[in-house]
């Protein structure tokens, strides 16, 4: 009997340890949205969002933006692809048309991937948006982008959505999570 308990503990403990590693701390701020598979306007599964999440990386003053797609991102790819998160950090600017002050994206262009934060707040005063490179990772069908809170104006909350686009404007977005458009159907992240 003692031998059976000992062997059971040897098998169960590693499983419990792995499970605990994937549970975020209780005070981690997260926001998750789900999106139906197959609702993209593109046949490419790597442009079809299944779910998206924004979560705070505790102790690092960084937000992780994650998008899970219907299929893996495989090369060769089209000339330009964009996996993007739009952030509305100041609803008061919506009436003048700037409802996404920040754009967090992974961009495939000229044969390379890059992670970026596009700060559009200078547009409110006639300025030019700035682009800051940020770390990202792509693992099969999961795209993650790591944005320091300071690159986003240190917001305590914001509205957000995720989208995919097979090119630069005027090419249209092909999928949104949650479903809808840029100005509607935003999820909320709160610190």
C-alpha atoms as a PDB file:
ATOM      1  CA  UNK A   1       0.000   0.000   0.000  1.00  0.00           C
ATOM      2  CA  UNK A   2       2.764   2.461   0.947  1.00  0.00           C
ATOM      3  CA  UNK A   3       4.580   1.621  -2.286  1.00  0.00           C
ATOM      4  CA  UNK A   4       1.427   2.372  -4.338  1.00  0.00           C
ATOM      5  CA  UNK A   5       0.957   5.751  -2.625  1.00  0.00           C
ATOM      6  CA  UNK A   6       4.617   6.609  -3.156  1.00  0.00           C
ATOM      7  CA  UNK A   7       4.430   5.731  -6.881  1.00  0.00           C
ATOM      8  CA  UNK A   8       1.165   7.656  -7.239  1.00  0.00           C
ATOM      9  CA  UNK A   9       2.761  10.762  -5.734  1.00  0.00           C
ATOM     10  CA  UNK A  10       5.724  10.442  -8.084  1.00  0.00           C
ATOM     11  CA  UNK A  11       3.318  10.447 -11.038  1.00  0.00           C
ATOM     12  CA  UNK A  12       0.912  13.127  -9.775  1.00  0.00           C
ATOM     13  CA  UNK A  13       3.373  15.733  -8.452  1.00  0.00           C
ATOM     14  CA  UNK A  14       4.913  16.605 -11.852  1.00  0.00           C
ATOM     15  CA  UNK A  15       1.419  16.975 -13.342  1.00  0.00           C
ATOM     16  CA  UNK A  16       0.359  19.311 -10.520  1.00  0.00           C
ATOM     17  CA  UNK A  17       3.547  21.345 -10.904  1.00  0.00           C
ATOM     18  CA  UNK A  18       2.905  21.857 -14.645  1.00  0.00           C
ATOM     19  CA  UNK A  19      -0.733  22.801 -13.963  1.00  0.00           C
ATOM     20  CA  UNK A  20       0.276  25.386 -11.351  1.00  0.00           C
ATOM     21  CA  UNK A  21       2.824  26.929 -13.758  1.00  0.00           C
ATOM     22  CA  UNK A  22       0.008  27.742 -16.238  1.00  0.00           C
ATOM     23  CA  UNK A  23      -2.369  29.288 -13.695  1.00  0.00           C
ATOM     24  CA  UNK A  24      -1.889  33.063 -13.621  1.00  0.00           C
ATOM     25  CA  UNK A  25      -1.537  34.714 -10.201  1.00  0.00           C
ATOM     26  CA  UNK A  26      -4.868  35.740  -8.679  1.00  0.00           C
ATOM     27  CA  UNK A  27      -4.075  39.437  -9.124  1.00  0.00           C
ATOM     28  CA  UNK A  28      -3.175  39.167 -12.836  1.00  0.00           C
ATOM     29  CA  UNK A  29      -5.423  41.373 -14.968  1.00  0.00           C
ATOM     30  CA  UNK A  30      -6.665  39.492 -18.053  1.00  0.00           C
ATOM     31  CA  UNK A  31      -9.290  39.932 -20.731  1.00  0.00           C
ATOM     32  CA  UNK A  32     -10.213  37.126 -23.162  1.00  0.00           C
ATOM     33  CA  UNK A  33     -12.479  37.060 -26.236  1.00  0.00           C
ATOM     34  CA  UNK A  34     -13.502  34.098 -28.383  1.00  0.00           C
ATOM     35  CA  UNK A  35     -14.294  34.161 -32.089  1.00  0.00           C
ATOM     36  CA  UNK A  36     -15.972  31.516 -34.268  1.00  0.00           C
ATOM     37  CA  UNK A  37     -13.629  29.455 -36.423  1.00  0.00           C
ATOM     38  CA  UNK A  38     -14.291  29.893 -40.137  1.00  0.00           C
ATOM     39  CA  UNK A  39     -15.750  33.422 -39.987  1.00  0.00           C
ATOM     40  CA  UNK A  40     -12.733  35.086 -41.628  1.00  0.00           C
ATOM     41  CA  UNK A  41     -13.102  36.711 -45.051  1.00  0.00           C
ATOM     42  CA  UNK A  42      -9.832  34.984 -45.998  1.00  0.00           C
ATOM     43  CA  UNK A  43      -9.360  31.287 -46.788  1.00  0.00           C
ATOM     44  CA  UNK A  44      -5.972  31.387 -44.967  1.00  0.00           C
ATOM     45  CA  UNK A  45      -6.412  29.749 -41.530  1.00  0.00           C
ATOM     46  CA  UNK A  46      -3.573  31.919 -40.147  1.00  0.00           C
ATOM     47  CA  UNK A  47      -5.834  34.969 -40.628  1.00  0.00           C
ATOM     48  CA  UNK A  48      -8.832  33.385 -38.831  1.00  0.00           C
ATOM     49  CA  UNK A  49      -8.860  34.328 -35.124  1.00  0.00           C
ATOM     50  CA  UNK A  50     -10.094  31.664 -32.689  1.00  0.00           C
ATOM     51  CA  UNK A  51      -9.503  33.651 -29.512  1.00  0.00           C
ATOM     52  CA  UNK A  52      -7.480  36.585 -28.258  1.00  0.00           C
ATOM     53  CA  UNK A  53      -6.277  37.697 -24.849  1.00  0.00           C
ATOM     54  CA  UNK A  54      -4.639  40.638 -23.103  1.00  0.00           C
ATOM     55  CA  UNK A  55      -2.941  39.876 -19.797  1.00  0.00           C
ATOM     56  CA  UNK A  56      -0.529  41.683 -17.531  1.00  0.00           C
ATOM     57  CA  UNK A  57       2.907  40.159 -17.031  1.00  0.00           C
ATOM     58  CA  UNK A  58       3.218  40.567 -13.267  1.00  0.00           C
ATOM     59  CA  UNK A  59       6.233  42.437 -11.992  1.00  0.00           C
ATOM     60  CA  UNK A  60       7.394  43.454 -15.470  1.00  0.00           C
ATOM     61  CA  UNK A  61       5.090  46.423 -16.266  1.00  0.00           C
ATOM     62  CA  UNK A  62       4.300  44.657 -19.551  1.00  0.00           C
ATOM     63  CA  UNK A  63       1.110  43.515 -21.264  1.00  0.00           C
ATOM     64  CA  UNK A  64       1.026  40.306 -23.272  1.00  0.00           C
ATOM     65  CA  UNK A  65      -1.268  40.398 -26.303  1.00  0.00           C
ATOM     66  CA  UNK A  66      -2.022  36.891 -27.557  1.00  0.00           C
ATOM     67  CA  UNK A  67      -3.954  35.692 -30.582  1.00  0.00           C
ATOM     68  CA  UNK A  68      -4.693  32.022 -31.340  1.00  0.00           C
ATOM     69  CA  UNK A  69      -5.468  31.348 -34.996  1.00  0.00           C
ATOM     70  CA  UNK A  70      -7.324  28.542 -36.787  1.00  0.00           C
ATOM     71  CA  UNK A  71      -4.085  27.312 -38.354  1.00  0.00           C
ATOM     72  CA  UNK A  72      -0.323  27.751 -38.059  1.00  0.00           C
ATOM     73  CA  UNK A  73       1.588  30.550 -39.739  1.00  0.00           C
ATOM     74  CA  UNK A  74       3.564  28.799 -42.457  1.00  0.00           C
ATOM     75  CA  UNK A  75       5.973  30.311 -44.958  1.00  0.00           C
ATOM     76  CA  UNK A  76       5.988  31.295 -47.780  1.00  0.00           C
ATOM     77  CA  UNK A  77       3.514  34.008 -46.899  1.00  0.00           C
ATOM     78  CA  UNK A  78       1.780  36.737 -48.839  1.00  0.00           C
ATOM     79  CA  UNK A  79       3.800  39.945 -49.243  1.00  0.00           C
ATOM     80  CA  UNK A  80       2.217  41.755 -46.237  1.00  0.00           C
ATOM     81  CA  UNK A  81       0.277  40.256 -43.313  1.00  0.00           C
ATOM     82  CA  UNK A  82      -0.741  41.968 -40.088  1.00  0.00           C
ATOM     83  CA  UNK A  83      -1.944  40.488 -36.785  1.00  0.00           C
ATOM     84  CA  UNK A  84      -3.103  43.513 -34.809  1.00  0.00           C
ATOM     85  CA  UNK A  85      -4.606  44.671 -31.524  1.00  0.00           C
ATOM     86  CA  UNK A  86      -6.370  48.064 -31.444  1.00  0.00           C
ATOM     87  CA  UNK A  87      -6.486  49.922 -28.104  1.00  0.00           C
ATOM     88  CA  UNK A  88      -8.970  52.651 -27.185  1.00  0.00           C
ATOM     89  CA  UNK A  89      -7.286  54.155 -24.130  1.00  0.00           C
ATOM     90  CA  UNK A  90      -9.290  57.393 -24.163  1.00  0.00           C
ATOM     91  CA  UNK A  91     -12.982  57.137 -25.136  1.00  0.00           C
ATOM     92  CA  UNK A  92     -13.175  60.965 -25.127  1.00  0.00           C
ATOM     93  CA  UNK A  93     -11.209  61.043 -28.396  1.00  0.00           C
ATOM     94  CA  UNK A  94     -13.730  58.812 -30.197  1.00  0.00           C
ATOM     95  CA  UNK A  95     -15.874  61.690 -31.476  1.00  0.00           C
ATOM     96  CA  UNK A  96     -12.933  63.024 -33.486  1.00  0.00           C
ATOM     97  CA  UNK A  97     -12.316  59.613 -35.031  1.00  0.00           C
ATOM     98  CA  UNK A  98      -9.288  58.458 -33.037  1.00  0.00           C
ATOM     99  CA  UNK A  99     -10.850  55.471 -31.303  1.00  0.00           C
ATOM    100  CA  UNK A 100      -7.677  53.384 -31.321  1.00  0.00           C
ATOM    101  CA  UNK A 101      -4.883  55.501 -29.906  1.00  0.00           C
ATOM    102  CA  UNK A 102      -2.473  52.565 -29.951  1.00  0.00           C
ATOM    103  CA  UNK A 103      -1.966  49.703 -32.383  1.00  0.00           C
ATOM    104  CA  UNK A 104       0.035  46.665 -31.264  1.00  0.00           C
ATOM    105  CA  UNK A 105       0.964  44.425 -34.160  1.00  0.00           C
ATOM    106  CA  UNK A 106       3.068  41.668 -35.599  1.00  0.00           C
ATOM    107  CA  UNK A 107       3.813  42.528 -39.195  1.00  0.00           C
ATOM    108  CA  UNK A 108       5.117  40.272 -41.960  1.00  0.00           C
ATOM    109  CA  UNK A 109       6.694  42.419 -44.679  1.00  0.00           C
ATOM    110  CA  UNK A 110       9.755  42.186 -46.934  1.00  0.00           C
ATOM    111  CA  UNK A 111      10.359  38.596 -45.836  1.00  0.00           C
ATOM    112  CA  UNK A 112      10.579  39.293 -42.089  1.00  0.00           C
ATOM    113  CA  UNK A 113       8.383  39.505 -38.998  1.00  0.00           C
ATOM    114  CA  UNK A 114       8.478  42.539 -36.671  1.00  0.00           C
ATOM    115  CA  UNK A 115       6.600  43.457 -33.491  1.00  0.00           C
ATOM    116  CA  UNK A 116       5.538  47.086 -33.101  1.00  0.00           C
ATOM    117  CA  UNK A 117       3.550  49.574 -31.042  1.00  0.00           C
ATOM    118  CA  UNK A 118       2.113  52.374 -33.163  1.00  0.00           C
ATOM    119  CA  UNK A 119       1.377  55.415 -30.983  1.00  0.00           C
ATOM    120  CA  UNK A 120      -1.306  57.400 -32.790  1.00  0.00           C
ATOM    121  CA  UNK A 121      -1.900  59.968 -30.015  1.00  0.00           C
ATOM    122  CA  UNK A 122       0.171  62.658 -31.822  1.00  0.00           C
ATOM    123  CA  UNK A 123      -2.580  62.714 -34.500  1.00  0.00           C
ATOM    124  CA  UNK A 124      -4.799  64.521 -31.972  1.00  0.00           C
ATOM    125  CA  UNK A 125      -2.547  67.566 -32.170  1.00  0.00           C
ATOM    126  CA  UNK A 126      -1.589  67.352 -35.847  1.00  0.00           C
ATOM    127  CA  UNK A 127       1.545  65.294 -35.218  1.00  0.00           C
ATOM    128  CA  UNK A 128       2.827  62.090 -36.753  1.00  0.00           C
ATOM    129  CA  UNK A 129       2.390  58.614 -35.200  1.00  0.00           C
ATOM    130  CA  UNK A 130       5.496  56.968 -33.762  1.00  0.00           C
ATOM    131  CA  UNK A 131       6.477  53.315 -34.114  1.00  0.00           C
ATOM    132  CA  UNK A 132       8.376  51.451 -31.380  1.00  0.00           C
ATOM    133  CA  UNK A 133       9.758  47.934 -31.933  1.00  0.00           C
ATOM    134  CA  UNK A 134       8.686  45.415 -29.279  1.00  0.00           C
ATOM    135  CA  UNK A 135       9.330  41.708 -28.688  1.00  0.00           C
ATOM    136  CA  UNK A 136       6.977  39.078 -30.077  1.00  0.00           C
ATOM    137  CA  UNK A 137       6.797  35.322 -30.556  1.00  0.00           C
ATOM    138  CA  UNK A 138       5.070  33.030 -33.028  1.00  0.00           C
ATOM    139  CA  UNK A 139       4.563  29.404 -32.076  1.00  0.00           C
ATOM    140  CA  UNK A 140       2.495  27.500 -34.627  1.00  0.00           C
ATOM    141  CA  UNK A 141      -0.904  29.158 -34.476  1.00  0.00           C
ATOM    142  CA  UNK A 142      -0.206  31.405 -31.471  1.00  0.00           C
ATOM    143  CA  UNK A 143       1.031  34.982 -31.860  1.00  0.00           C
ATOM    144  CA  UNK A 144       2.214  36.879 -28.763  1.00  0.00           C
ATOM    145  CA  UNK A 145       3.336  40.502 -28.533  1.00  0.00           C
ATOM    146  CA  UNK A 146       4.913  41.994 -25.388  1.00  0.00           C
ATOM    147  CA  UNK A 147       4.157  45.716 -24.925  1.00  0.00           C
ATOM    148  CA  UNK A 148       5.651  47.685 -22.021  1.00  0.00           C
ATOM    149  CA  UNK A 149       2.896  49.704 -20.326  1.00  0.00           C
ATOM    150  CA  UNK A 150       4.921  52.901 -20.780  1.00  0.00           C
ATOM    151  CA  UNK A 151       4.717  52.520 -24.598  1.00  0.00           C
ATOM    152  CA  UNK A 152       0.914  52.612 -24.200  1.00  0.00           C
ATOM    153  CA  UNK A 153       0.736  55.688 -21.947  1.00  0.00           C
ATOM    154  CA  UNK A 154       0.459  53.540 -18.753  1.00  0.00           C
ATOM    155  CA  UNK A 155      -3.315  52.986 -18.992  1.00  0.00           C
ATOM    156  CA  UNK A 156      -5.251  51.479 -16.088  1.00  0.00           C
ATOM    157  CA  UNK A 157      -7.935  50.252 -18.516  1.00  0.00           C
ATOM    158  CA  UNK A 158      -8.796  50.316 -22.215  1.00  0.00           C
ATOM    159  CA  UNK A 159     -11.129  48.902 -24.838  1.00  0.00           C
ATOM    160  CA  UNK A 160      -9.504  46.533 -27.326  1.00  0.00           C
ATOM    161  CA  UNK A 161     -10.047  44.168 -30.185  1.00  0.00           C
ATOM    162  CA  UNK A 162      -7.897  41.897 -32.319  1.00  0.00           C
ATOM    163  CA  UNK A 163      -7.908  41.786 -36.106  1.00  0.00           C
ATOM    164  CA  UNK A 164      -6.069  40.300 -39.075  1.00  0.00           C
ATOM    165  CA  UNK A 165      -5.299  41.956 -42.395  1.00  0.00           C
ATOM    166  CA  UNK A 166      -3.603  40.610 -45.573  1.00  0.00           C
ATOM    167  CA  UNK A 167      -1.948  43.925 -46.490  1.00  0.00           C
ATOM    168  CA  UNK A 168      -1.609  47.599 -45.674  1.00  0.00           C
ATOM    169  CA  UNK A 169      -4.601  49.941 -46.014  1.00  0.00           C
ATOM    170  CA  UNK A 170      -6.708  50.237 -48.066  1.00  0.00           C
ATOM    171  CA  UNK A 171      -6.763  46.405 -47.805  1.00  0.00           C
ATOM    172  CA  UNK A 172      -9.627  45.533 -45.437  1.00  0.00           C
ATOM    173  CA  UNK A 173      -9.389  43.531 -42.236  1.00  0.00           C
ATOM    174  CA  UNK A 174     -10.582  39.947 -42.723  1.00  0.00           C
ATOM    175  CA  UNK A 175     -11.403  38.936 -39.126  1.00  0.00           C
ATOM    176  CA  UNK A 176     -12.128  40.585 -35.773  1.00  0.00           C
ATOM    177  CA  UNK A 177     -12.320  39.273 -32.235  1.00  0.00           C
ATOM    178  CA  UNK A 178     -14.764  40.022 -30.832  1.00  0.00           C
ATOM    179  CA  UNK A 179     -16.761  40.158 -34.069  1.00  0.00           C
ATOM    180  CA  UNK A 180     -17.614  43.650 -35.228  1.00  0.00           C
ATOM    181  CA  UNK A 181     -15.655  46.684 -36.323  1.00  0.00           C
ATOM    182  CA  UNK A 182     -13.000  48.958 -34.931  1.00  0.00           C
ATOM    183  CA  UNK A 183     -15.397  51.301 -33.138  1.00  0.00           C
ATOM    184  CA  UNK A 184     -17.797  48.649 -31.857  1.00  0.00           C
ATOM    185  CA  UNK A 185     -17.662  45.391 -29.952  1.00  0.00           C
ATOM    186  CA  UNK A 186     -14.574  46.178 -27.920  1.00  0.00           C
ATOM    187  CA  UNK A 187     -13.509  44.011 -25.008  1.00  0.00           C
ATOM    188  CA  UNK A 188     -12.284  45.733 -21.837  1.00  0.00           C
ATOM    189  CA  UNK A 189      -8.994  45.242 -20.026  1.00  0.00           C
ATOM    190  CA  UNK A 190      -8.706  46.694 -16.518  1.00  0.00           C
ATOM    191  CA  UNK A 191      -5.655  46.619 -14.297  1.00  0.00           C
END
